[in-house]
């Protein structure tokens, strides 16, 4: 089978391809890493578990990597920082761990050196390995171990079993850490050899004059004004006598240290601040006292007061609302006041200040909700605290004036309202006289209409049917309460004058009617004795074209009628 066909058969050749690629990758990696003897290396681990009598810590060696131009060299530092785990075991000749051995492995997280001949670790061996979380030093020949090796590490697990510790003040910190179960020390069986050569549990070790240092400071907090000088004192005591110092990294103010030992067990140090800067407001001054047992510290909060300063005041910009952005520096936090064209601005819902404070800076906006041309003008910000006043002015233009020829003056400081007072424009006298006449005529017309309405209501209801005399003519001029009001629609003819009594003329026809005397009578009571009964002789009422009379079937409902010979009810 041709060579090309072999690569096309996945069932037979896939495993061989993987092995071939793996071997090629290992060869290339080995040529770059230069893994130490008796060790196995990959891109993240170095494992040295085979016995070795060498006294040097295993280090990677960089080699040149051939390229087309032949001038590329692999940087060993880049390779070393990718190593996260180093495991060394049974290296009896390895006695000392130096800082230079560890400084290249900046990404190291796990270090194991066990069952070896390690006796000494230099004080700053792990200074360049801040990510170390697991250290296993069990089964070595360590007689003492300093806490300062691990002070900058966040150790989760520290294994130090099966070492030849001496019962001394140098391992007192381990005893204290075991009691607090720090770094998983409580679960380990730790021992030390006392002055009599007896191996005892570490928990039973009793060393006199070997304790953590005590510390005190002259101020728990310090308040000064910008430009002042200040002195702070820190005292450290204990046995062994501690070293005392102030940590002033990143402090802007000029500072000097003066150390002195007052007594045999007290170490004092003064910190002098000269021309205190406002940038140091809120700075934490820390004093530390340390000995072989451990370290203690005390802190002082530095508060610096200084007058306000307006760092920026910008012209308005349109966002969700129009904003005049500002930034003010000051401590104590300054009180902010706004002026519009020289007058104090009263803030309301639609003109308000919103800000937040962070450290010494007050930053925010003067917000306007839909401002008009009345809001144009100079806006002055005044920042005030007990040490001084700062002010700055910016011109704000929101809208152009819609009627430039109109004279007006308005300041939003007067009312705090977007609706300005009405400005009066002077008109010529002729226009004023014409307006007065129009208003007078309108008023006269209104009065006339009211009088007519009163007259109609007062005199138009005297006769509901408008029957004056023997003949009533139904017309539009009669009261609308008449039952026959809408029949004639106000049309009368000369023939209506010939109509007889009890007759209504509708169009050209005379219709006999009678009036109900009780219909429009006010206060009528049928049960009074004087109620009379009027007898009417009803004539036949008919309309042209109708054979049946219209007045048949007329009856009276619930009317009591009294006769001389008795009471009859219809």
Foldseek 3Di string as FASTA:
>chain_A
DDPVVLVVDCVPCVVVVVVVVVVVVVVVVCQAFVWDPCWDDDQAEIERADAAQDQDDTGTDGDQDQDPVRPGTDDSLVSLCNHAEYAHENHANHAEQELVSCQSNLNYAEYEYALYAHAYYDLANCVSHQNHAYYAYDHYAYQADFPSNPPSHQYQAYHHYHYAHALDLLCLLLLVCLVVCGRNSVVGFHWYAYPVRDIDTNVPRDDPQRDWKDKDKPAQEAEEEAQDKDKIKMKIFGGVAWDKDKDQPPAPFDWDKDWDDDDNGMTMMMIMTGRHHQVCAQPKIKMWTDDSNGIDIHIYGYHYFYWKDWPDWAEWDDDVFTWGKTKMFGPVFWDKWKDFPRATADADPQFDWDWDDDRRMIITTGTGHPADQLAWGKMKIWTDDPHDIDMDIDTYGDYDDPDVVDDDHHHCRVPVDRDTDDDDDDDDPVVVVVVVVVVVVVVVVVVVVVVVVVVCVVPQVPDQQCDDPFEGEAACSHDPNRPCNPQQPGDDDPCSVVDGGQWYDRPNDIWHHDDDPPPPDPPDDLPDPPDADDDDDDDFTDDPPDPHTPPPPDDDPPHWHDDPVGTDDD
